[in-house]
Amino acid sequence: VIPRVLLVPAALEHTALKLIHSQEIMVAKAGSTDAETLLATGNVHRGTLRVIVEPRLDGATNGATAWYLIADPSQVESLVIVFLRGQRNPTIERKDPANVLGIGWRMYHDVGVAAVDWRGINRGKGV
Protein backbone atom coordinates (compact mmCIF):
# COMPACT_ATOMS: atom_id res chain seq x y z
CA VAL A 1 0.00 0.00 0.00
CA ILE A 2 1.52 3.30 -1.09
CA PRO A 3 0.66 6.44 0.92
CA ARG A 4 -0.54 9.50 -1.01
CA VAL A 5 -1.70 11.92 1.74
CA LEU A 6 -0.02 13.20 4.89
CA LEU A 7 -2.77 14.36 7.27
CA VAL A 8 -1.50 16.58 10.09
CA PRO A 9 -2.90 18.88 12.81
CA ALA A 10 -2.40 22.63 12.37
CA ALA A 11 0.51 22.53 14.82
CA LEU A 12 2.49 20.32 12.40
CA GLU A 13 1.60 22.12 9.16
CA HIS A 14 4.96 23.87 8.63
CA THR A 15 6.96 20.79 9.60
CA ALA A 16 4.98 18.64 7.15
CA LEU A 17 5.34 21.17 4.33
CA LYS A 18 9.10 21.42 4.92
CA LEU A 19 9.40 17.63 4.87
CA ILE A 20 7.44 17.21 1.65
CA HIS A 21 8.72 20.21 -0.33
CA SER A 22 12.40 20.53 0.69
CA GLN A 23 15.08 19.30 -1.72
CA GLU A 24 17.35 18.24 1.10
CA ILE A 25 16.94 17.36 4.76
CA MET A 26 19.70 18.17 7.23
CA VAL A 27 20.48 15.27 9.53
CA ALA A 28 22.85 15.37 12.50
CA LYS A 29 25.32 12.54 12.97
CA ALA A 30 24.09 10.01 15.52
CA GLY A 31 24.44 11.30 19.06
CA SER A 32 25.57 14.80 18.04
CA THR A 33 23.67 18.08 18.21
CA ASP A 34 26.16 20.80 17.17
CA ALA A 35 25.82 22.59 13.83
CA GLU A 36 29.18 21.38 12.48
CA THR A 37 28.02 17.76 12.35
CA LEU A 38 24.98 18.36 10.14
CA LEU A 39 24.98 16.44 6.88
CA ALA A 40 22.96 17.25 3.76
CA THR A 41 20.97 14.34 2.36
CA GLY A 42 18.57 14.10 -0.57
CA ASN A 43 14.90 14.17 0.43
CA VAL A 44 13.32 10.91 -0.72
CA HIS A 45 9.87 12.15 0.37
CA ARG A 46 9.91 15.26 -1.82
CA GLY A 47 6.74 15.55 -3.89
CA THR A 48 5.45 12.08 -2.99
CA LEU A 49 2.67 13.11 -0.60
CA ARG A 50 -0.06 15.74 -0.53
CA VAL A 51 -0.26 17.56 2.82
CA ILE A 52 -3.73 18.09 4.30
CA VAL A 53 -4.11 20.13 7.48
CA GLU A 54 -7.03 19.41 9.82
CA PRO A 55 -7.20 21.82 12.80
CA ARG A 56 -9.62 19.55 14.68
CA LEU A 57 -6.78 17.05 15.15
CA ASP A 58 -4.99 19.51 17.48
CA GLY A 59 -7.35 18.64 20.34
CA ALA A 60 -7.31 14.87 19.76
CA THR A 61 -5.20 12.26 21.56
CA ASN A 62 -1.50 13.14 21.08
CA GLY A 63 -2.93 16.46 19.80
CA ALA A 64 -0.03 18.42 18.33
CA THR A 65 2.17 15.41 17.54
CA ALA A 66 -0.01 12.74 15.90
CA TRP A 67 -0.05 12.47 12.10
CA TYR A 68 -1.62 10.08 9.56
CA LEU A 69 -0.51 8.54 6.27
CA ILE A 70 -3.43 7.76 3.98
CA ALA A 71 -3.30 5.52 0.89
CA ASP A 72 -4.85 6.32 -2.45
CA PRO A 73 -8.56 5.30 -2.28
CA SER A 74 -8.23 3.55 -5.65
CA GLN A 75 -5.66 1.21 -4.07
CA VAL A 76 -7.31 0.61 -0.67
CA GLU A 77 -10.73 1.93 0.23
CA SER A 78 -10.41 2.64 3.95
CA LEU A 79 -13.43 4.85 4.55
CA VAL A 80 -16.80 4.81 2.84
CA ILE A 81 -19.44 7.51 2.84
CA VAL A 82 -23.07 6.39 2.72
CA PHE A 83 -26.24 8.39 2.20
CA LEU A 84 -29.72 7.67 3.53
CA ARG A 85 -31.89 6.33 0.70
CA GLY A 86 -29.12 7.18 -1.79
CA GLN A 87 -29.80 10.92 -1.46
CA ARG A 88 -26.35 12.44 -2.21
CA ASN A 89 -27.47 16.08 -2.09
CA PRO A 90 -28.90 18.02 0.87
CA THR A 91 -32.68 18.30 1.04
CA ILE A 92 -33.92 21.89 1.12
CA GLU A 93 -37.53 22.61 1.98
CA ARG A 94 -39.40 25.91 2.06
CA LYS A 95 -41.33 26.49 5.27
CA ASP A 96 -43.80 29.37 5.61
CA PRO A 97 -44.18 29.93 9.34
CA ALA A 98 -47.62 31.00 10.57
CA ASN A 99 -47.99 34.53 11.95
CA VAL A 100 -44.59 35.62 10.57
CA LEU A 101 -44.02 38.08 7.77
CA GLY A 102 -41.49 36.25 5.63
CA ILE A 103 -40.43 32.78 4.55
CA GLY A 104 -38.24 30.12 6.11
CA TRP A 105 -36.06 27.29 4.90
CA ARG A 106 -35.15 23.93 6.34
CA MET A 107 -32.14 21.95 5.16
CA TYR A 108 -30.92 18.50 6.19
CA HIS A 109 -28.45 15.95 4.90
CA ASP A 110 -28.25 12.36 6.15
CA VAL A 111 -24.67 11.08 5.83
CA GLY A 112 -22.73 8.28 7.47
CA VAL A 113 -19.07 7.24 7.39
CA ALA A 114 -17.63 3.81 8.12
CA ALA A 115 -14.11 2.40 8.31
CA VAL A 116 -13.86 -0.68 6.09
CA ASP A 117 -10.15 -1.46 5.72
CA TRP A 118 -7.47 -0.67 8.28
CA ARG A 119 -4.57 -0.95 5.80
CA GLY A 120 -5.27 2.39 4.10
CA ILE A 121 -4.70 4.69 7.08
CA ASN A 122 -1.65 4.60 9.34
CA ARG A 123 -1.36 6.76 12.48
CA GLY A 124 1.91 7.96 13.93
CA LYS A 125 1.56 9.28 17.47
CA GLY A 126 4.62 11.49 17.16
CA VAL A 127 6.97 12.32 19.99
C-alpha atoms as a PDB file:
ATOM      1  CA  VAL A   1       0.000   0.000   0.000  1.00  0.00           C
ATOM      2  CA  ILE A   2       1.523   3.305  -1.086  1.00  0.00           C
ATOM      3  CA  PRO A   3       0.655   6.442   0.924  1.00  0.00           C
ATOM      4  CA  ARG A   4      -0.541   9.497  -1.005  1.00  0.00           C
ATOM      5  CA  VAL A   5      -1.701  11.922   1.735  1.00  0.00           C
ATOM      6  CA  LEU A   6      -0.019  13.195   4.887  1.00  0.00           C
ATOM      7  CA  LEU A   7      -2.770  14.359   7.273  1.00  0.00           C
ATOM      8  CA  VAL A   8      -1.502  16.578  10.087  1.00  0.00           C
ATOM      9  CA  PRO A   9      -2.903  18.880  12.805  1.00  0.00           C
ATOM     10  CA  ALA A  10      -2.401  22.632  12.367  1.00  0.00           C
ATOM     11  CA  ALA A  11       0.512  22.532  14.823  1.00  0.00           C
ATOM     12  CA  LEU A  12       2.494  20.322  12.396  1.00  0.00           C
ATOM     13  CA  GLU A  13       1.601  22.124   9.161  1.00  0.00           C
ATOM     14  CA  HIS A  14       4.962  23.868   8.631  1.00  0.00           C
ATOM     15  CA  THR A  15       6.959  20.788   9.599  1.00  0.00           C
ATOM     16  CA  ALA A  16       4.982  18.641   7.146  1.00  0.00           C
ATOM     17  CA  LEU A  17       5.343  21.165   4.325  1.00  0.00           C
ATOM     18  CA  LYS A  18       9.097  21.417   4.923  1.00  0.00           C
ATOM     19  CA  LEU A  19       9.404  17.630   4.868  1.00  0.00           C
ATOM     20  CA  ILE A  20       7.436  17.209   1.648  1.00  0.00           C
ATOM     21  CA  HIS A  21       8.724  20.212  -0.329  1.00  0.00           C
ATOM     22  CA  SER A  22      12.404  20.527   0.689  1.00  0.00           C
ATOM     23  CA  GLN A  23      15.075  19.302  -1.722  1.00  0.00           C
ATOM     24  CA  GLU A  24      17.347  18.237   1.104  1.00  0.00           C
ATOM     25  CA  ILE A  25      16.942  17.359   4.763  1.00  0.00           C
ATOM     26  CA  MET A  26      19.698  18.174   7.226  1.00  0.00           C
ATOM     27  CA  VAL A  27      20.483  15.269   9.531  1.00  0.00           C
ATOM     28  CA  ALA A  28      22.847  15.369  12.499  1.00  0.00           C
ATOM     29  CA  LYS A  29      25.321  12.536  12.974  1.00  0.00           C
ATOM     30  CA  ALA A  30      24.091  10.012  15.518  1.00  0.00           C
ATOM     31  CA  GLY A  31      24.435  11.299  19.059  1.00  0.00           C
ATOM     32  CA  SER A  32      25.568  14.798  18.037  1.00  0.00           C
ATOM     33  CA  THR A  33      23.667  18.085  18.214  1.00  0.00           C
ATOM     34  CA  ASP A  34      26.160  20.799  17.174  1.00  0.00           C
ATOM     35  CA  ALA A  35      25.817  22.592  13.825  1.00  0.00           C
ATOM     36  CA  GLU A  36      29.182  21.376  12.478  1.00  0.00           C
ATOM     37  CA  THR A  37      28.022  17.756  12.348  1.00  0.00           C
ATOM     38  CA  LEU A  38      24.981  18.361  10.139  1.00  0.00           C
ATOM     39  CA  LEU A  39      24.985  16.436   6.881  1.00  0.00           C
ATOM     40  CA  ALA A  40      22.957  17.247   3.765  1.00  0.00           C
ATOM     41  CA  THR A  41      20.969  14.337   2.361  1.00  0.00           C
ATOM     42  CA  GLY A  42      18.573  14.100  -0.565  1.00  0.00           C
ATOM     43  CA  ASN A  43      14.896  14.168   0.428  1.00  0.00           C
ATOM     44  CA  VAL A  44      13.324  10.910  -0.725  1.00  0.00           C
ATOM     45  CA  HIS A  45       9.874  12.151   0.373  1.00  0.00           C
ATOM     46  CA  ARG A  46       9.910  15.265  -1.824  1.00  0.00           C
ATOM     47  CA  GLY A  47       6.744  15.551  -3.887  1.00  0.00           C
ATOM     48  CA  THR A  48       5.455  12.081  -2.987  1.00  0.00           C
ATOM     49  CA  LEU A  49       2.667  13.112  -0.599  1.00  0.00           C
ATOM     50  CA  ARG A  50      -0.059  15.745  -0.530  1.00  0.00           C
ATOM     51  CA  VAL A  51      -0.260  17.560   2.817  1.00  0.00           C
ATOM     52  CA  ILE A  52      -3.729  18.090   4.300  1.00  0.00           C
ATOM     53  CA  VAL A  53      -4.105  20.126   7.477  1.00  0.00           C
ATOM     54  CA  GLU A  54      -7.030  19.415   9.819  1.00  0.00           C
ATOM     55  CA  PRO A  55      -7.203  21.825  12.799  1.00  0.00           C
ATOM     56  CA  ARG A  56      -9.622  19.545  14.680  1.00  0.00           C
ATOM     57  CA  LEU A  57      -6.776  17.055  15.149  1.00  0.00           C
ATOM     58  CA  ASP A  58      -4.995  19.515  17.479  1.00  0.00           C
ATOM     59  CA  GLY A  59      -7.353  18.641  20.335  1.00  0.00           C
ATOM     60  CA  ALA A  60      -7.312  14.872  19.765  1.00  0.00           C
ATOM     61  CA  THR A  61      -5.199  12.261  21.558  1.00  0.00           C
ATOM     62  CA  ASN A  62      -1.503  13.143  21.081  1.00  0.00           C
ATOM     63  CA  GLY A  63      -2.926  16.464  19.796  1.00  0.00           C
ATOM     64  CA  ALA A  64      -0.032  18.422  18.333  1.00  0.00           C
ATOM     65  CA  THR A  65       2.170  15.414  17.543  1.00  0.00           C
ATOM     66  CA  ALA A  66      -0.014  12.741  15.903  1.00  0.00           C
ATOM     67  CA  TRP A  67      -0.051  12.471  12.095  1.00  0.00           C
ATOM     68  CA  TYR A  68      -1.618  10.084   9.564  1.00  0.00           C
ATOM     69  CA  LEU A  69      -0.514   8.541   6.270  1.00  0.00           C
ATOM     70  CA  ILE A  70      -3.434   7.758   3.977  1.00  0.00           C
ATOM     71  CA  ALA A  71      -3.305   5.523   0.893  1.00  0.00           C
ATOM     72  CA  ASP A  72      -4.849   6.324  -2.453  1.00  0.00           C
ATOM     73  CA  PRO A  73      -8.558   5.298  -2.280  1.00  0.00           C
ATOM     74  CA  SER A  74      -8.230   3.552  -5.650  1.00  0.00           C
ATOM     75  CA  GLN A  75      -5.663   1.209  -4.074  1.00  0.00           C
ATOM     76  CA  VAL A  76      -7.305   0.608  -0.673  1.00  0.00           C
ATOM     77  CA  GLU A  77     -10.735   1.928   0.227  1.00  0.00           C
ATOM     78  CA  SER A  78     -10.407   2.637   3.953  1.00  0.00           C
ATOM     79  CA  LEU A  79     -13.429   4.848   4.552  1.00  0.00           C
ATOM     80  CA  VAL A  80     -16.797   4.808   2.844  1.00  0.00           C
ATOM     81  CA  ILE A  81     -19.441   7.511   2.839  1.00  0.00           C
ATOM     82  CA  VAL A  82     -23.067   6.391   2.716  1.00  0.00           C
ATOM     83  CA  PHE A  83     -26.239   8.390   2.202  1.00  0.00           C
ATOM     84  CA  LEU A  84     -29.717   7.669   3.526  1.00  0.00           C
ATOM     85  CA  ARG A  85     -31.893   6.334   0.696  1.00  0.00           C
ATOM     86  CA  GLY A  86     -29.117   7.177  -1.786  1.00  0.00           C
ATOM     87  CA  GLN A  87     -29.798  10.924  -1.457  1.00  0.00           C
ATOM     88  CA  ARG A  88     -26.354  12.438  -2.208  1.00  0.00           C
ATOM     89  CA  ASN A  89     -27.468  16.079  -2.085  1.00  0.00           C
ATOM     90  CA  PRO A  90     -28.901  18.020   0.866  1.00  0.00           C
ATOM     91  CA  THR A  91     -32.681  18.295   1.041  1.00  0.00           C
ATOM     92  CA  ILE A  92     -33.924  21.893   1.118  1.00  0.00           C
ATOM     93  CA  GLU A  93     -37.532  22.609   1.981  1.00  0.00           C
ATOM     94  CA  ARG A  94     -39.398  25.910   2.062  1.00  0.00           C
ATOM     95  CA  LYS A  95     -41.333  26.492   5.272  1.00  0.00           C
ATOM     96  CA  ASP A  96     -43.796  29.374   5.607  1.00  0.00           C
ATOM     97  CA  PRO A  97     -44.177  29.929   9.336  1.00  0.00           C
ATOM     98  CA  ALA A  98     -47.615  30.996  10.565  1.00  0.00           C
ATOM     99  CA  ASN A  99     -47.993  34.534  11.950  1.00  0.00           C
ATOM    100  CA  VAL A 100     -44.589  35.618  10.570  1.00  0.00           C
ATOM    101  CA  LEU A 101     -44.020  38.077   7.768  1.00  0.00           C
ATOM    102  CA  GLY A 102     -41.485  36.250   5.633  1.00  0.00           C
ATOM    103  CA  ILE A 103     -40.433  32.780   4.554  1.00  0.00           C
ATOM    104  CA  GLY A 104     -38.241  30.123   6.112  1.00  0.00           C
ATOM    105  CA  TRP A 105     -36.062  27.290   4.898  1.00  0.00           C
ATOM    106  CA  ARG A 106     -35.153  23.933   6.337  1.00  0.00           C
ATOM    107  CA  MET A 107     -32.140  21.948   5.159  1.00  0.00           C
ATOM    108  CA  TYR A 108     -30.922  18.502   6.190  1.00  0.00           C
ATOM    109  CA  HIS A 109     -28.446  15.955   4.900  1.00  0.00           C
ATOM    110  CA  ASP A 110     -28.246  12.356   6.146  1.00  0.00           C
ATOM    111  CA  VAL A 111     -24.671  11.084   5.833  1.00  0.00           C
ATOM    112  CA  GLY A 112     -22.726   8.278   7.467  1.00  0.00           C
ATOM    113  CA  VAL A 113     -19.065   7.244   7.391  1.00  0.00           C
ATOM    114  CA  ALA A 114     -17.633   3.810   8.117  1.00  0.00           C
ATOM    115  CA  ALA A 115     -14.108   2.396   8.315  1.00  0.00           C
ATOM    116  CA  VAL A 116     -13.864  -0.682   6.091  1.00  0.00           C
ATOM    117  CA  ASP A 117     -10.152  -1.463   5.717  1.00  0.00           C
ATOM    118  CA  TRP A 118      -7.469  -0.669   8.284  1.00  0.00           C
ATOM    119  CA  ARG A 119      -4.573  -0.947   5.805  1.00  0.00           C
ATOM    120  CA  GLY A 120      -5.266   2.389   4.102  1.00  0.00           C
ATOM    121  CA  ILE A 121      -4.699   4.690   7.083  1.00  0.00           C
ATOM    122  CA  ASN A 122      -1.647   4.600   9.338  1.00  0.00           C
ATOM    123  CA  ARG A 123      -1.359   6.756  12.477  1.00  0.00           C
ATOM    124  CA  GLY A 124       1.906   7.959  13.925  1.00  0.00           C
ATOM    125  CA  LYS A 125       1.558   9.276  17.470  1.00  0.00           C
ATOM    126  CA  GLY A 126       4.623  11.493  17.160  1.00  0.00           C
ATOM    127  CA  VAL A 127       6.971  12.321  19.992  1.00  0.00           C
END
